[in-house]
Amino acid sequence: MSIAENILSIQSTLPAQVTLVAVSKTKPIAALMEAYDAGQRIFGENKIQEMAEKCEAMPKDIQWHMIGHVQTNKVKFMAPFVNLIHGVDSLKLVQEINKQAVKADRVIDCLLQIHIAEEETKFGLDEQELTSLLSSSEFKEMRNIRIVGLMGMATFTDNKNQIKKEFTHLKSIFDSFAVHNSQFTVLSMGMSGDYQLAIECGSTMVRIGSSIFGGRN
């Protein structure tokens, strides 16, 4: 199937409240334009320089999502245009995003990354760290960063029960914080291999790459 057919096929299975992020990292602009021509407007990249180059070259109605791990010294390069930063996992990073957003005269939307997987390699905050970040006086004084929800990645495993347990855990954390934070509207969980399960567990945003563009280059 073509990229356009893949997009339309996936879109047809997504509930109305679920947003599709096409994970386009390492893919050439021609491939992204095929997805664009099929109606896709949200693309996810994991390298800031590559995202900036694509942003420069492509139509201006695209929303660019940073889905990779973010280094503080690179934030300034995406602050002028990024629409949503997915993997925010420290107060230090929040402070840097706010600082660069002030310079760019923007308010930048972000998701806080929660560590739900059993693997040690995945980044993210635990519940206690999440609570202390959101209640910190430093965070409350920031005006140019808006935390719109949470994201998380399940353990890389074929065990559906384990994945479901991790997604359900993240949804319960999301619900407990959304009660007090009206801006909490996005729960980003689920990728090509597990997005249907993630949606069943309450995801409102899925990040899909290989099922749209084929395997990684």
C-alpha atoms as a PDB file:
ATOM      1  CA  MET A   1       0.000   0.000   0.000  1.00  0.00           C
ATOM      2  CA  SER A   2       1.085   3.584  -0.621  1.00  0.00           C
ATOM      3  CA  ILE A   3       1.741   6.121   2.130  1.00  0.00           C
ATOM      4  CA  ALA A   4      -1.563   7.835   1.287  1.00  0.00           C
ATOM      5  CA  GLU A   5      -3.462   4.539   1.514  1.00  0.00           C
ATOM      6  CA  ASN A   6      -1.799   3.738   4.847  1.00  0.00           C
ATOM      7  CA  ILE A   7      -2.814   7.127   6.267  1.00  0.00           C
ATOM      8  CA  LEU A   8      -6.412   6.813   5.113  1.00  0.00           C
ATOM      9  CA  SER A   9      -6.626   3.246   6.392  1.00  0.00           C
ATOM     10  CA  ILE A  10      -5.314   4.207   9.862  1.00  0.00           C
ATOM     11  CA  GLN A  11      -7.449   7.367  10.032  1.00  0.00           C
ATOM     12  CA  SER A  12     -10.562   5.319   9.259  1.00  0.00           C
ATOM     13  CA  THR A  13      -9.975   3.211  12.398  1.00  0.00           C
ATOM     14  CA  LEU A  14      -9.255   6.089  14.796  1.00  0.00           C
ATOM     15  CA  PRO A  15     -12.031   7.430  17.043  1.00  0.00           C
ATOM     16  CA  ALA A  16     -12.847  11.114  16.530  1.00  0.00           C
ATOM     17  CA  GLN A  17     -11.078  12.173  19.756  1.00  0.00           C
ATOM     18  CA  VAL A  18      -7.743  10.559  18.812  1.00  0.00           C
ATOM     19  CA  THR A  19      -5.068  12.608  17.019  1.00  0.00           C
ATOM     20  CA  LEU A  20      -2.642  10.921  14.624  1.00  0.00           C
ATOM     21  CA  VAL A  21       0.988  12.040  14.719  1.00  0.00           C
ATOM     22  CA  ALA A  22       2.826  10.729  11.643  1.00  0.00           C
ATOM     23  CA  VAL A  23       6.318   9.852  12.863  1.00  0.00           C
ATOM     24  CA  SER A  24       8.438  11.032   9.956  1.00  0.00           C
ATOM     25  CA  LYS A  25      11.957  10.950  11.437  1.00  0.00           C
ATOM     26  CA  THR A  26      14.630   9.921   8.881  1.00  0.00           C
ATOM     27  CA  LYS A  27      12.044  10.011   6.076  1.00  0.00           C
ATOM     28  CA  PRO A  28      12.623  12.207   2.996  1.00  0.00           C
ATOM     29  CA  ILE A  29      10.459  15.262   2.349  1.00  0.00           C
ATOM     30  CA  ALA A  30       8.880  13.506  -0.674  1.00  0.00           C
ATOM     31  CA  ALA A  31       7.460  10.853   1.669  1.00  0.00           C
ATOM     32  CA  LEU A  32       6.133  13.501   4.058  1.00  0.00           C
ATOM     33  CA  MET A  33       4.518  15.329   1.130  1.00  0.00           C
ATOM     34  CA  GLU A  34       2.700  12.128   0.123  1.00  0.00           C
ATOM     35  CA  ALA A  35       1.254  12.005   3.632  1.00  0.00           C
ATOM     36  CA  TYR A  36       0.513  15.749   3.484  1.00  0.00           C
ATOM     37  CA  ASP A  37      -1.349  15.349   0.193  1.00  0.00           C
ATOM     38  CA  ALA A  38      -3.446  12.611   1.845  1.00  0.00           C
ATOM     39  CA  GLY A  39      -4.511  15.153   4.473  1.00  0.00           C
ATOM     40  CA  GLN A  40      -1.961  14.560   7.245  1.00  0.00           C
ATOM     41  CA  ARG A  41      -0.941  17.804   8.983  1.00  0.00           C
ATOM     42  CA  ILE A  42       0.858  16.643  12.144  1.00  0.00           C
ATOM     43  CA  PHE A  43       4.361  15.215  11.865  1.00  0.00           C
ATOM     44  CA  GLY A  44       6.655  13.947  14.626  1.00  0.00           C
ATOM     45  CA  GLU A  45      10.444  14.219  14.481  1.00  0.00           C
ATOM     46  CA  ASN A  46      13.118  13.227  16.980  1.00  0.00           C
ATOM     47  CA  LYS A  47      16.026  15.396  15.785  1.00  0.00           C
ATOM     48  CA  ILE A  48      15.624  19.152  16.052  1.00  0.00           C
ATOM     49  CA  GLN A  49      17.868  20.014  13.107  1.00  0.00           C
ATOM     50  CA  GLU A  50      16.054  17.628  10.770  1.00  0.00           C
ATOM     51  CA  MET A  51      12.690  18.979  11.954  1.00  0.00           C
ATOM     52  CA  ALA A  52      13.822  22.583  11.373  1.00  0.00           C
ATOM     53  CA  GLU A  53      14.994  21.775   7.839  1.00  0.00           C
ATOM     54  CA  LYS A  54      11.714  20.065   6.990  1.00  0.00           C
ATOM     55  CA  CYS A  55       9.717  22.920   8.519  1.00  0.00           C
ATOM     56  CA  GLU A  56      11.617  25.372   6.315  1.00  0.00           C
ATOM     57  CA  ALA A  57      10.952  23.361   3.149  1.00  0.00           C
ATOM     58  CA  MET A  58       7.350  22.288   3.666  1.00  0.00           C
ATOM     59  CA  PRO A  59       3.897  23.938   3.737  1.00  0.00           C
ATOM     60  CA  LYS A  60       3.303  26.276   6.640  1.00  0.00           C
ATOM     61  CA  ASP A  61       0.053  24.724   7.900  1.00  0.00           C
ATOM     62  CA  ILE A  62       1.936  21.705   9.254  1.00  0.00           C
ATOM     63  CA  GLN A  63       2.163  21.171  13.019  1.00  0.00           C
ATOM     64  CA  TRP A  64       5.581  19.909  14.094  1.00  0.00           C
ATOM     65  CA  HIS A  65       5.841  17.683  17.163  1.00  0.00           C
ATOM     66  CA  MET A  66       9.163  16.944  18.849  1.00  0.00           C
ATOM     67  CA  ILE A  67       8.866  13.338  19.972  1.00  0.00           C
ATOM     68  CA  GLY A  68      12.465  12.467  20.824  1.00  0.00           C
ATOM     69  CA  HIS A  69      14.461  13.055  23.982  1.00  0.00           C
ATOM     70  CA  VAL A  70      15.215  16.783  24.174  1.00  0.00           C
ATOM     71  CA  GLN A  71      18.596  18.231  25.119  1.00  0.00           C
ATOM     72  CA  THR A  72      18.307  21.634  26.783  1.00  0.00           C
ATOM     73  CA  ASN A  73      20.961  23.211  24.536  1.00  0.00           C
ATOM     74  CA  LYS A  74      18.885  22.419  21.416  1.00  0.00           C
ATOM     75  CA  VAL A  75      15.584  23.940  22.573  1.00  0.00           C
ATOM     76  CA  LYS A  76      16.373  27.361  21.090  1.00  0.00           C
ATOM     77  CA  PHE A  77      16.446  25.920  17.564  1.00  0.00           C
ATOM     78  CA  MET A  78      12.831  24.738  17.676  1.00  0.00           C
ATOM     79  CA  ALA A  79      11.276  27.342  19.972  1.00  0.00           C
ATOM     80  CA  PRO A  80      10.171  29.590  17.070  1.00  0.00           C
ATOM     81  CA  PHE A  81       7.998  26.938  15.395  1.00  0.00           C
ATOM     82  CA  VAL A  82       7.434  23.705  17.350  1.00  0.00           C
ATOM     83  CA  ASN A  83       3.756  22.978  18.132  1.00  0.00           C
ATOM     84  CA  LEU A  84       4.104  20.318  20.812  1.00  0.00           C
ATOM     85  CA  ILE A  85       7.079  18.859  22.695  1.00  0.00           C
ATOM     86  CA  HIS A  86       6.286  15.314  23.836  1.00  0.00           C
ATOM     87  CA  GLY A  87       9.116  14.129  26.036  1.00  0.00           C
ATOM     88  CA  VAL A  88       9.563  16.766  28.745  1.00  0.00           C
ATOM     89  CA  ASP A  89      11.025  15.012  31.777  1.00  0.00           C
ATOM     90  CA  SER A  90      12.683  17.540  34.094  1.00  0.00           C
ATOM     91  CA  LEU A  91      12.171  20.957  35.677  1.00  0.00           C
ATOM     92  CA  LYS A  92      15.444  22.052  34.072  1.00  0.00           C
ATOM     93  CA  LEU A  93      14.044  21.310  30.614  1.00  0.00           C
ATOM     94  CA  VAL A  94      10.729  23.016  31.450  1.00  0.00           C
ATOM     95  CA  GLN A  95      12.677  26.137  32.515  1.00  0.00           C
ATOM     96  CA  GLU A  96      14.701  26.164  29.290  1.00  0.00           C
ATOM     97  CA  ILE A  97      11.594  25.747  27.106  1.00  0.00           C
ATOM     98  CA  ASN A  98       9.907  28.606  28.952  1.00  0.00           C
ATOM     99  CA  LYS A  99      13.007  30.784  28.573  1.00  0.00           C
ATOM    100  CA  GLN A 100      13.280  30.161  24.824  1.00  0.00           C
ATOM    101  CA  ALA A 101       9.515  30.591  24.375  1.00  0.00           C
ATOM    102  CA  VAL A 102       9.793  34.039  25.982  1.00  0.00           C
ATOM    103  CA  LYS A 103      12.510  34.962  23.453  1.00  0.00           C
ATOM    104  CA  ALA A 104      10.358  33.671  20.583  1.00  0.00           C
ATOM    105  CA  ASP A 105       7.322  35.513  22.004  1.00  0.00           C
ATOM    106  CA  ARG A 106       5.299  32.301  22.063  1.00  0.00           C
ATOM    107  CA  VAL A 107       3.573  29.946  24.460  1.00  0.00           C
ATOM    108  CA  ILE A 108       4.828  26.408  23.789  1.00  0.00           C
ATOM    109  CA  ASP A 109       2.640  23.393  24.500  1.00  0.00           C
ATOM    110  CA  CYS A 110       4.353  20.415  26.149  1.00  0.00           C
ATOM    111  CA  LEU A 111       3.604  16.945  27.454  1.00  0.00           C
ATOM    112  CA  LEU A 112       5.345  15.639  30.568  1.00  0.00           C
ATOM    113  CA  GLN A 113       6.836  12.199  30.033  1.00  0.00           C
ATOM    114  CA  ILE A 114       5.962   9.601  32.650  1.00  0.00           C
ATOM    115  CA  HIS A 115       8.105   6.513  33.145  1.00  0.00           C
ATOM    116  CA  ILE A 116       5.714   3.536  32.930  1.00  0.00           C
ATOM    117  CA  ALA A 117       7.893   0.855  31.303  1.00  0.00           C
ATOM    118  CA  GLU A 118       9.880  -1.723  33.224  1.00  0.00           C
ATOM    119  CA  GLU A 119      12.938  -1.011  31.083  1.00  0.00           C
ATOM    120  CA  GLU A 120      15.477   1.267  32.711  1.00  0.00           C
ATOM    121  CA  THR A 121      16.408   2.965  29.441  1.00  0.00           C
ATOM    122  CA  LYS A 122      13.171   4.880  28.963  1.00  0.00           C
ATOM    123  CA  PHE A 123      13.146   8.482  30.185  1.00  0.00           C
ATOM    124  CA  GLY A 124      10.430   9.984  32.326  1.00  0.00           C
ATOM    125  CA  LEU A 125       9.165  11.198  35.675  1.00  0.00           C
ATOM    126  CA  ASP A 126       7.488   9.116  38.349  1.00  0.00           C
ATOM    127  CA  GLU A 127       4.268  10.267  40.023  1.00  0.00           C
ATOM    128  CA  GLN A 128       6.042  11.960  42.907  1.00  0.00           C
ATOM    129  CA  GLU A 129       8.341  13.905  40.559  1.00  0.00           C
ATOM    130  CA  LEU A 130       5.328  14.886  38.464  1.00  0.00           C
ATOM    131  CA  THR A 131       3.521  16.220  41.531  1.00  0.00           C
ATOM    132  CA  SER A 132       6.495  18.200  42.777  1.00  0.00           C
ATOM    133  CA  LEU A 133       7.193  19.689  39.329  1.00  0.00           C
ATOM    134  CA  LEU A 134       3.600  20.858  38.799  1.00  0.00           C
ATOM    135  CA  SER A 135       3.327  22.258  42.325  1.00  0.00           C
ATOM    136  CA  SER A 136       6.744  23.958  42.367  1.00  0.00           C
ATOM    137  CA  SER A 137       6.838  27.735  42.698  1.00  0.00           C
ATOM    138  CA  GLU A 138       9.254  27.914  39.729  1.00  0.00           C
ATOM    139  CA  PHE A 139       6.756  26.185  37.460  1.00  0.00           C
ATOM    140  CA  LYS A 140       3.825  28.290  38.656  1.00  0.00           C
ATOM    141  CA  GLU A 141       5.647  31.471  37.671  1.00  0.00           C
ATOM    142  CA  MET A 142       6.212  30.356  34.064  1.00  0.00           C
ATOM    143  CA  ARG A 143       3.952  32.043  31.535  1.00  0.00           C
ATOM    144  CA  ASN A 144       5.313  30.777  28.210  1.00  0.00           C
ATOM    145  CA  ILE A 145       5.020  27.041  28.622  1.00  0.00           C
ATOM    146  CA  ARG A 146       1.698  25.213  28.795  1.00  0.00           C
ATOM    147  CA  ILE A 147       1.569  21.622  30.017  1.00  0.00           C
ATOM    148  CA  VAL A 148      -1.335  20.119  28.053  1.00  0.00           C
ATOM    149  CA  GLY A 149      -1.021  16.513  29.178  1.00  0.00           C
ATOM    150  CA  LEU A 150       1.161  13.463  29.593  1.00  0.00           C
ATOM    151  CA  MET A 151       2.948  10.940  27.411  1.00  0.00           C
ATOM    152  CA  GLY A 152       4.510   7.567  28.039  1.00  0.00           C
ATOM    153  CA  MET A 153       5.977   4.539  26.309  1.00  0.00           C
ATOM    154  CA  ALA A 154       5.147   0.986  27.245  1.00  0.00           C
ATOM    155  CA  THR A 155       7.750  -1.737  27.665  1.00  0.00           C
ATOM    156  CA  PHE A 156       8.909  -3.193  24.336  1.00  0.00           C
ATOM    157  CA  THR A 157       7.331  -6.627  24.704  1.00  0.00           C
ATOM    158  CA  ASP A 158       4.821  -8.970  23.048  1.00  0.00           C
ATOM    159  CA  ASN A 159       3.047  -9.355  26.385  1.00  0.00           C
ATOM    160  CA  LYS A 160      -0.222  -7.502  25.757  1.00  0.00           C
ATOM    161  CA  ASN A 161      -1.266  -7.782  29.410  1.00  0.00           C
ATOM    162  CA  GLN A 162       1.857  -5.985  30.557  1.00  0.00           C
ATOM    163  CA  ILE A 163       1.428  -3.230  27.953  1.00  0.00           C
ATOM    164  CA  LYS A 164      -2.213  -2.842  28.934  1.00  0.00           C
ATOM    165  CA  LYS A 165      -1.258  -2.624  32.612  1.00  0.00           C
ATOM    166  CA  GLU A 166       1.269   0.162  31.858  1.00  0.00           C
ATOM    167  CA  PHE A 167      -1.142   2.128  29.653  1.00  0.00           C
ATOM    168  CA  THR A 168      -3.912   1.806  32.254  1.00  0.00           C
ATOM    169  CA  HIS A 169      -1.513   3.031  34.940  1.00  0.00           C
ATOM    170  CA  LEU A 170      -0.628   6.100  32.849  1.00  0.00           C
ATOM    171  CA  LYS A 171      -4.318   6.806  32.186  1.00  0.00           C
ATOM    172  CA  SER A 172      -5.042   6.719  35.925  1.00  0.00           C
ATOM    173  CA  ILE A 173      -2.201   9.196  36.592  1.00  0.00           C
ATOM    174  CA  PHE A 174      -3.529  11.391  33.784  1.00  0.00           C
ATOM    175  CA  ASP A 175      -7.067  11.314  35.210  1.00  0.00           C
ATOM    176  CA  SER A 176      -5.929  12.184  38.727  1.00  0.00           C
ATOM    177  CA  PHE A 177      -4.038  15.252  37.466  1.00  0.00           C
ATOM    178  CA  ALA A 178      -6.612  16.323  34.849  1.00  0.00           C
ATOM    179  CA  VAL A 179      -9.100  16.882  37.673  1.00  0.00           C
ATOM    180  CA  HIS A 180      -6.984  19.811  38.912  1.00  0.00           C
ATOM    181  CA  ASN A 181      -5.519  20.935  35.561  1.00  0.00           C
ATOM    182  CA  SER A 182      -8.104  22.021  33.004  1.00  0.00           C
ATOM    183  CA  GLN A 183      -5.364  22.273  30.360  1.00  0.00           C
ATOM    184  CA  PHE A 184      -4.715  18.531  30.603  1.00  0.00           C
ATOM    185  CA  THR A 185      -6.406  17.322  27.415  1.00  0.00           C
ATOM    186  CA  VAL A 186      -3.731  15.197  25.717  1.00  0.00           C
ATOM    187  CA  LEU A 187      -2.680  11.675  26.661  1.00  0.00           C
ATOM    188  CA  SER A 188      -0.062  10.567  24.141  1.00  0.00           C
ATOM    189  CA  MET A 189       0.530   6.829  24.243  1.00  0.00           C
ATOM    190  CA  GLY A 190       0.621   4.145  21.597  1.00  0.00           C
ATOM    191  CA  MET A 191       2.810   3.559  18.529  1.00  0.00           C
ATOM    192  CA  SER A 192       2.537   1.375  15.405  1.00  0.00           C
ATOM    193  CA  GLY A 193       2.624  -1.893  17.347  1.00  0.00           C
ATOM    194  CA  ASP A 194       0.291  -1.055  20.211  1.00  0.00           C
ATOM    195  CA  TYR A 195      -1.812   1.991  19.322  1.00  0.00           C
ATOM    196  CA  GLN A 196      -5.144   0.116  19.202  1.00  0.00           C
ATOM    197  CA  LEU A 197      -4.557  -1.135  22.736  1.00  0.00           C
ATOM    198  CA  ALA A 198      -3.492   2.377  23.797  1.00  0.00           C
ATOM    199  CA  ILE A 199      -6.742   3.823  22.433  1.00  0.00           C
ATOM    200  CA  GLU A 200      -8.747   1.197  24.339  1.00  0.00           C
ATOM    201  CA  CYS A 201      -6.894   2.356  27.465  1.00  0.00           C
ATOM    202  CA  GLY A 202      -7.779   6.029  26.872  1.00  0.00           C
ATOM    203  CA  SER A 203      -5.061   7.478  24.624  1.00  0.00           C
ATOM    204  CA  THR A 204      -6.006  10.679  22.774  1.00  0.00           C
ATOM    205  CA  MET A 205      -2.859  10.866  20.619  1.00  0.00           C
ATOM    206  CA  VAL A 206      -0.970   8.080  18.830  1.00  0.00           C
ATOM    207  CA  ARG A 207       2.487   8.261  17.253  1.00  0.00           C
ATOM    208  CA  ILE A 208       2.651   6.084  14.153  1.00  0.00           C
ATOM    209  CA  GLY A 209       5.671   5.744  11.877  1.00  0.00           C
ATOM    210  CA  SER A 210       6.370   2.363  10.297  1.00  0.00           C
ATOM    211  CA  SER A 211       2.678   1.590   9.628  1.00  0.00           C
ATOM    212  CA  ILE A 212       2.570   4.767   7.521  1.00  0.00           C
ATOM    213  CA  PHE A 213       6.013   5.109   5.985  1.00  0.00           C
ATOM    214  CA  GLY A 214       7.314   1.521   6.162  1.00  0.00           C
ATOM    215  CA  GLY A 215      10.359   0.430   8.175  1.00  0.00           C
ATOM    216  CA  ARG A 216      13.123   2.807   9.223  1.00  0.00           C
ATOM    217  CA  ASN A 217      15.783   3.821   6.747  1.00  0.00           C
END
